[in-house]
């Protein structure tokens, strides 16, 4: 039996209609959506399936929406007796990973991401900013650019993709400096705030009391955290890691390397789109990686579990 690492996507993977296929097919998913709507006082079915996109993409809406769809996909895999041997989530996706590992229950998971989204949205209005992807530039050179231009590293996604974050003018300077330093491409991202930067300090401070009130259980399986690319050792570690993640870098490349170094080489992205599947292929082309977001991708994955 293969050990499957479940990878959960974060903000940016959303699309109108996500989760509808499983909602239509599985009573358990319909029940999950109803429970989430009651808990969050939001019509999650309408938000996820109808949008409109300009409403769905708002940070305070998209964070609970993606988390719910991630958990719906996790639920469906469980119904087919496919369970994670380990887990990780990209930024927002870390909350889904903690749920999958039994660290957070459904109520705390959804409540935390609701507050997280609201406070990050408020912080982005108070301190507007930008993000950009720097492609094919050595990590040390990116760090030099960040120091020179007073921006920060938001995500280390893979060797040839590092995301920088900070105030708009600073990010613009960093994009220019990165190009001059030899980056193959620099792409300004269509995001509504400077995530994972010091601009989110007010969100971090407002969010922390909610994290401290949440109930954390001991992890039932390894769940690797963004802030240090290490598995959660105990429930007591989780609150600090979630609080620090708001302003800290997402060490995705290093997190995937931890799994690979520790004997995990079968991965499945559990949630909308294939962003993390694509990143894993750029981190290690030998790794087996699938995704599950609808009945078609589920069928492909279940067939693969019989042969890999």
Protein backbone atom coordinates (compact mmCIF):
# COMPACT_ATOMS: atom_id res chain seq x y z
CA UNK A 1 0.00 0.00 0.00
CA UNK A 2 1.50 3.31 -1.08
CA UNK A 3 1.90 6.17 1.38
CA UNK A 4 0.03 9.11 -0.15
CA UNK A 5 0.91 12.64 0.93
CA UNK A 6 -2.15 14.89 0.66
CA UNK A 7 -1.33 18.42 -0.53
CA UNK A 8 -3.95 21.13 -0.05
CA UNK A 9 -4.06 24.26 -2.26
CA UNK A 10 -4.52 27.79 -0.99
CA UNK A 11 -5.74 31.17 -2.20
CA UNK A 12 -5.44 31.58 -5.96
CA UNK A 13 -6.72 28.10 -6.84
CA UNK A 14 -10.38 29.11 -6.65
CA UNK A 15 -12.84 29.12 -9.53
CA UNK A 16 -16.60 29.48 -9.77
CA UNK A 17 -18.12 25.99 -9.74
CA UNK A 18 -15.42 24.36 -7.64
CA UNK A 19 -16.74 21.44 -5.64
CA UNK A 20 -20.07 21.22 -7.47
CA UNK A 21 -19.37 17.86 -9.08
CA UNK A 22 -18.78 16.20 -5.71
CA UNK A 23 -21.73 18.10 -4.18
CA UNK A 24 -24.03 16.65 -6.83
CA UNK A 25 -22.63 13.12 -6.43
CA UNK A 26 -22.22 12.67 -2.66
CA UNK A 27 -24.74 13.21 0.13
CA UNK A 28 -21.83 13.55 2.58
CA UNK A 29 -20.53 16.58 0.66
CA UNK A 30 -24.00 18.16 0.61
CA UNK A 31 -24.18 17.68 4.37
CA UNK A 32 -20.72 19.24 4.75
CA UNK A 33 -21.76 22.32 2.77
CA UNK A 34 -24.91 22.73 4.86
CA UNK A 35 -22.94 22.44 8.08
CA UNK A 36 -20.38 24.98 6.88
CA UNK A 37 -23.07 27.44 5.76
CA UNK A 38 -24.74 27.26 9.17
CA UNK A 39 -21.45 27.63 11.00
CA UNK A 40 -20.15 30.56 8.94
CA UNK A 41 -23.52 32.25 8.33
CA UNK A 42 -22.69 32.26 4.62
CA UNK A 43 -24.36 30.56 1.66
CA UNK A 44 -21.35 28.42 0.73
CA UNK A 45 -23.19 26.58 -2.03
CA UNK A 46 -24.01 29.85 -3.82
CA UNK A 47 -20.55 31.31 -3.20
CA UNK A 48 -18.64 28.30 -4.56
CA UNK A 49 -20.97 27.29 -7.39
CA UNK A 50 -22.36 30.63 -8.60
CA UNK A 51 -19.90 33.26 -7.39
CA UNK A 52 -19.86 35.64 -9.14
CA UNK A 53 -16.09 35.59 -9.51
CA UNK A 54 -15.62 39.14 -8.24
CA UNK A 55 -17.34 38.09 -5.00
CA UNK A 56 -15.66 34.71 -4.70
CA UNK A 57 -12.13 36.14 -5.06
CA UNK A 58 -12.53 38.55 -2.15
CA UNK A 59 -10.12 37.40 0.53
CA UNK A 60 -12.74 37.18 3.27
CA UNK A 61 -14.86 34.91 1.02
CA UNK A 62 -12.30 32.83 -0.82
CA UNK A 63 -10.45 31.58 2.25
CA UNK A 64 -13.41 29.70 3.77
CA UNK A 65 -14.58 28.69 0.27
CA UNK A 66 -11.34 26.99 -0.76
CA UNK A 67 -10.97 25.37 2.65
CA UNK A 68 -14.46 23.91 2.41
CA UNK A 69 -13.82 22.51 -1.08
CA UNK A 70 -10.51 21.04 0.07
CA UNK A 71 -12.30 19.27 2.91
CA UNK A 72 -15.03 18.10 0.53
CA UNK A 73 -12.39 16.48 -1.69
CA UNK A 74 -10.77 14.94 1.40
CA UNK A 75 -14.17 13.57 2.44
CA UNK A 76 -14.74 11.94 -0.94
CA UNK A 77 -11.33 10.28 -0.87
CA UNK A 78 -12.14 8.93 2.60
CA UNK A 79 -15.36 7.44 1.26
CA UNK A 80 -13.19 5.53 -1.20
CA UNK A 81 -10.92 4.35 1.64
CA UNK A 82 -8.03 6.58 0.53
CA UNK A 83 -6.50 8.28 3.56
CA UNK A 84 -3.38 10.44 3.94
CA UNK A 85 -0.15 9.10 5.37
CA UNK A 86 1.12 12.70 5.67
CA UNK A 87 -0.09 16.15 4.70
CA UNK A 88 0.88 19.72 3.92
CA UNK A 89 -0.96 22.79 2.68
CA UNK A 90 0.19 25.86 0.78
CA UNK A 91 -0.42 28.96 2.96
CA UNK A 92 -4.21 28.87 3.51
CA UNK A 93 -4.10 25.18 2.59
CA UNK A 94 -2.23 24.45 5.82
CA UNK A 95 -5.53 24.66 7.70
CA UNK A 96 -6.95 21.87 5.54
CA UNK A 97 -3.82 19.81 6.22
CA UNK A 98 -4.23 20.31 9.97
CA UNK A 99 -7.84 19.16 9.65
CA UNK A 100 -6.75 16.09 7.69
CA UNK A 101 -4.20 15.29 10.41
CA UNK A 102 -6.82 15.58 13.16
CA UNK A 103 -5.16 18.64 14.71
CA UNK A 104 -8.16 20.92 14.10
CA UNK A 105 -11.83 19.97 14.03
CA UNK A 106 -14.21 21.22 11.33
CA UNK A 107 -15.65 24.07 13.39
CA UNK A 108 -12.28 25.52 14.39
CA UNK A 109 -10.84 25.04 10.91
CA UNK A 110 -13.61 26.98 9.19
CA UNK A 111 -13.90 29.61 11.91
CA UNK A 112 -10.16 30.31 11.84
CA UNK A 113 -9.98 30.72 8.08
CA UNK A 114 -13.02 33.02 8.17
CA UNK A 115 -11.28 35.32 10.64
CA UNK A 116 -7.96 34.98 8.83
CA UNK A 117 -9.52 36.11 5.56
CA UNK A 118 -11.30 39.06 7.14
CA UNK A 119 -8.24 40.35 8.97
CA UNK A 120 -5.96 39.91 5.97
CA UNK A 121 -8.47 41.83 3.85
CA UNK A 122 -8.58 44.65 6.42
CA UNK A 123 -4.79 44.78 6.59
CA UNK A 124 -4.55 44.98 2.80
CA UNK A 125 -6.78 48.05 2.85
CA UNK A 126 -4.69 49.67 5.58
CA UNK A 127 -1.38 48.88 3.85
CA UNK A 128 -1.90 48.18 0.16
CA UNK A 129 0.81 46.18 -1.51
CA UNK A 130 1.75 43.86 -4.31
CA UNK A 131 3.37 40.52 -5.06
CA UNK A 132 5.47 39.28 -7.96
CA UNK A 133 6.87 35.97 -9.17
CA UNK A 134 10.59 35.96 -9.85
CA UNK A 135 11.50 33.18 -12.27
CA UNK A 136 14.85 31.46 -12.66
CA UNK A 137 16.95 33.64 -10.38
CA UNK A 138 19.22 32.14 -7.73
CA UNK A 139 17.69 32.31 -4.25
CA UNK A 140 20.67 34.21 -2.85
CA UNK A 141 20.30 36.86 -5.55
CA UNK A 142 16.59 37.14 -4.77
CA UNK A 143 17.47 37.67 -1.10
CA UNK A 144 19.93 40.39 -2.12
CA UNK A 145 17.23 42.11 -4.18
CA UNK A 146 14.81 41.90 -1.26
CA UNK A 147 17.31 43.58 1.08
CA UNK A 148 18.14 46.25 -1.49
CA UNK A 149 14.50 47.07 -2.30
CA UNK A 150 13.01 46.48 1.17
CA UNK A 151 10.65 43.70 0.16
CA UNK A 152 10.29 40.15 1.48
CA UNK A 153 10.11 36.59 0.20
CA UNK A 154 6.50 35.39 0.41
CA UNK A 155 6.85 31.90 -1.08
CA UNK A 156 9.70 29.67 -2.14
CA UNK A 157 7.61 27.49 -4.42
CA UNK A 158 10.37 25.68 -6.30
CA UNK A 159 13.93 26.36 -7.41
CA UNK A 160 12.87 28.56 -10.31
CA UNK A 161 9.87 30.34 -8.76
CA UNK A 162 10.12 32.66 -5.77
CA UNK A 163 7.33 35.06 -4.87
CA UNK A 164 8.23 38.47 -3.42
CA UNK A 165 5.87 40.70 -1.46
CA UNK A 166 5.65 44.19 0.02
CA UNK A 167 4.51 47.77 -0.68
CA UNK A 168 3.65 48.47 -4.33
CA UNK A 169 6.55 50.79 -5.15
CA UNK A 170 9.05 48.53 -3.39
CA UNK A 171 7.85 45.49 -5.33
CA UNK A 172 8.11 47.45 -8.59
CA UNK A 173 11.71 48.34 -7.75
CA UNK A 174 12.42 44.70 -6.88
CA UNK A 175 10.96 43.47 -10.18
CA UNK A 176 13.28 45.83 -12.07
CA UNK A 177 16.28 44.84 -9.94
CA UNK A 178 15.52 41.13 -10.36
CA UNK A 179 15.41 41.47 -14.12
CA UNK A 180 18.70 43.33 -14.08
CA UNK A 181 20.17 40.58 -11.86
CA UNK A 182 19.34 37.95 -14.47
CA UNK A 183 15.82 36.70 -13.73
CA UNK A 184 14.33 35.04 -16.81
CA UNK A 185 10.92 36.56 -16.08
CA UNK A 186 9.19 38.62 -13.42
CA UNK A 187 5.41 38.61 -13.25
CA UNK A 188 3.28 40.91 -11.12
CA UNK A 189 0.55 38.78 -9.55
CA UNK A 190 -3.15 39.59 -9.60
CA UNK A 191 -3.60 39.60 -5.82
CA UNK A 192 -5.43 41.95 -3.50
CA UNK A 193 -2.73 42.33 -0.87
CA UNK A 194 0.94 41.87 0.09
CA UNK A 195 0.47 38.47 1.73
CA UNK A 196 3.21 37.00 3.91
CA UNK A 197 4.86 40.33 4.59
CA UNK A 198 5.21 42.78 7.46
CA UNK A 199 2.24 44.63 5.93
CA UNK A 200 0.11 41.87 7.47
CA UNK A 201 1.25 42.61 11.02
CA UNK A 202 -2.13 44.06 12.01
CA UNK A 203 -3.85 40.92 10.65
CA UNK A 204 -1.45 38.78 12.66
CA UNK A 205 -2.22 40.68 15.85
CA UNK A 206 -6.00 40.55 15.35
CA UNK A 207 -5.94 36.91 14.36
CA UNK A 208 -3.75 35.62 17.19
CA UNK A 209 -6.45 35.65 19.95
CA UNK A 210 -8.68 33.44 17.78
CA UNK A 211 -5.84 30.97 17.28
CA UNK A 212 -5.15 30.87 21.02
CA UNK A 213 -8.81 30.02 21.70
CA UNK A 214 -8.93 27.17 19.18
CA UNK A 215 -8.63 23.54 20.25
CA UNK A 216 -5.60 21.69 18.94
CA UNK A 217 -5.21 17.91 19.14
CA UNK A 218 -2.08 15.82 18.70
CA UNK A 219 -1.36 15.13 15.01
CA UNK A 220 -2.37 11.66 13.85
CA UNK A 221 0.08 11.82 10.96
CA UNK A 222 3.01 14.02 9.87
CA UNK A 223 1.88 17.49 8.80
CA UNK A 224 4.68 19.72 7.55
CA UNK A 225 4.31 23.41 8.32
CA UNK A 226 5.04 26.34 6.00
CA UNK A 227 7.10 28.43 8.40
CA UNK A 228 9.91 25.94 9.03
CA UNK A 229 9.33 23.04 6.59
CA UNK A 230 9.28 20.64 9.53
CA UNK A 231 6.53 18.29 10.74
CA UNK A 232 4.43 19.44 13.64
CA UNK A 233 5.90 17.76 16.72
CA UNK A 234 2.93 18.38 19.03
CA UNK A 235 -0.37 20.17 19.29
CA UNK A 236 1.28 22.82 21.47
CA UNK A 237 3.44 23.95 18.53
CA UNK A 238 0.54 24.61 16.18
CA UNK A 239 -0.72 28.01 17.39
CA UNK A 240 2.65 29.76 17.04
CA UNK A 241 3.18 28.29 13.59
CA UNK A 242 -0.20 29.48 12.35
CA UNK A 243 0.24 32.96 13.81
CA UNK A 244 3.76 33.33 12.40
CA UNK A 245 2.64 32.10 8.99
CA UNK A 246 0.62 35.30 8.44
CA UNK A 247 3.77 37.41 7.98
CA UNK A 248 6.30 34.63 7.36
CA UNK A 249 7.50 32.94 4.20
CA UNK A 250 5.88 29.80 2.80
CA UNK A 251 8.77 27.32 2.50
CA UNK A 252 7.02 25.05 0.01
CA UNK A 253 10.08 23.77 -1.83
CA UNK A 254 11.77 22.89 1.47
CA UNK A 255 8.57 21.23 2.74
CA UNK A 256 8.37 18.97 -0.31
CA UNK A 257 12.07 18.18 0.04
CA UNK A 258 11.42 17.04 3.62
CA UNK A 259 8.88 14.51 2.36
CA UNK A 260 11.18 13.28 -0.39
CA UNK A 261 14.11 12.92 2.03
CA UNK A 262 11.93 10.89 4.39
CA UNK A 263 10.71 8.29 1.94
CA UNK A 264 7.49 9.88 0.65
CA UNK A 265 7.27 9.97 -3.13
CA UNK A 266 3.52 9.65 -3.87
CA UNK A 267 1.52 12.88 -3.71
CA UNK A 268 -2.05 13.93 -4.46
CA UNK A 269 -3.33 17.51 -4.58
CA UNK A 270 -6.67 17.52 -2.78
CA UNK A 271 -8.71 20.54 -3.84
CA UNK A 272 -9.30 22.88 -6.78
CA UNK A 273 -6.89 23.14 -9.73
CA UNK A 274 -3.44 21.62 -10.17
CA UNK A 275 -1.05 24.31 -8.88
CA UNK A 276 0.72 22.13 -6.32
CA UNK A 277 0.85 19.18 -8.72
CA UNK A 278 2.71 21.43 -11.16
CA UNK A 279 5.12 22.66 -8.51
CA UNK A 280 5.94 19.13 -7.39
CA UNK A 281 6.84 18.17 -10.94
CA UNK A 282 9.29 21.06 -10.98
CA UNK A 283 10.74 20.05 -7.61
CA UNK A 284 11.21 16.35 -8.42
CA UNK A 285 10.09 14.88 -11.72
CA UNK A 286 10.48 11.35 -10.34
CA UNK A 287 7.76 11.84 -7.75
CA UNK A 288 4.33 10.39 -8.51
CA UNK A 289 1.77 13.19 -8.28
CA UNK A 290 -1.97 13.35 -8.99
CA UNK A 291 -4.85 15.67 -8.18
CA UNK A 292 -8.46 15.16 -7.10
CA UNK A 293 -11.05 17.90 -7.54
CA UNK A 294 -13.96 16.24 -9.39
CA UNK A 295 -15.24 12.84 -10.48
CA UNK A 296 -13.01 12.70 -13.57
CA UNK A 297 -9.78 13.37 -11.64
CA UNK A 298 -10.99 11.05 -8.86
CA UNK A 299 -11.48 8.21 -11.33
CA UNK A 300 -8.00 8.75 -12.77
CA UNK A 301 -6.50 8.79 -9.28
CA UNK A 302 -8.33 5.67 -8.10
CA UNK A 303 -7.12 3.83 -11.20
CA UNK A 304 -3.58 4.98 -10.45
CA UNK A 305 -3.76 3.66 -6.88
CA UNK A 306 -4.30 0.19 -8.33
CA UNK A 307 -1.14 0.34 -10.41
CA UNK A 308 1.40 2.50 -8.52
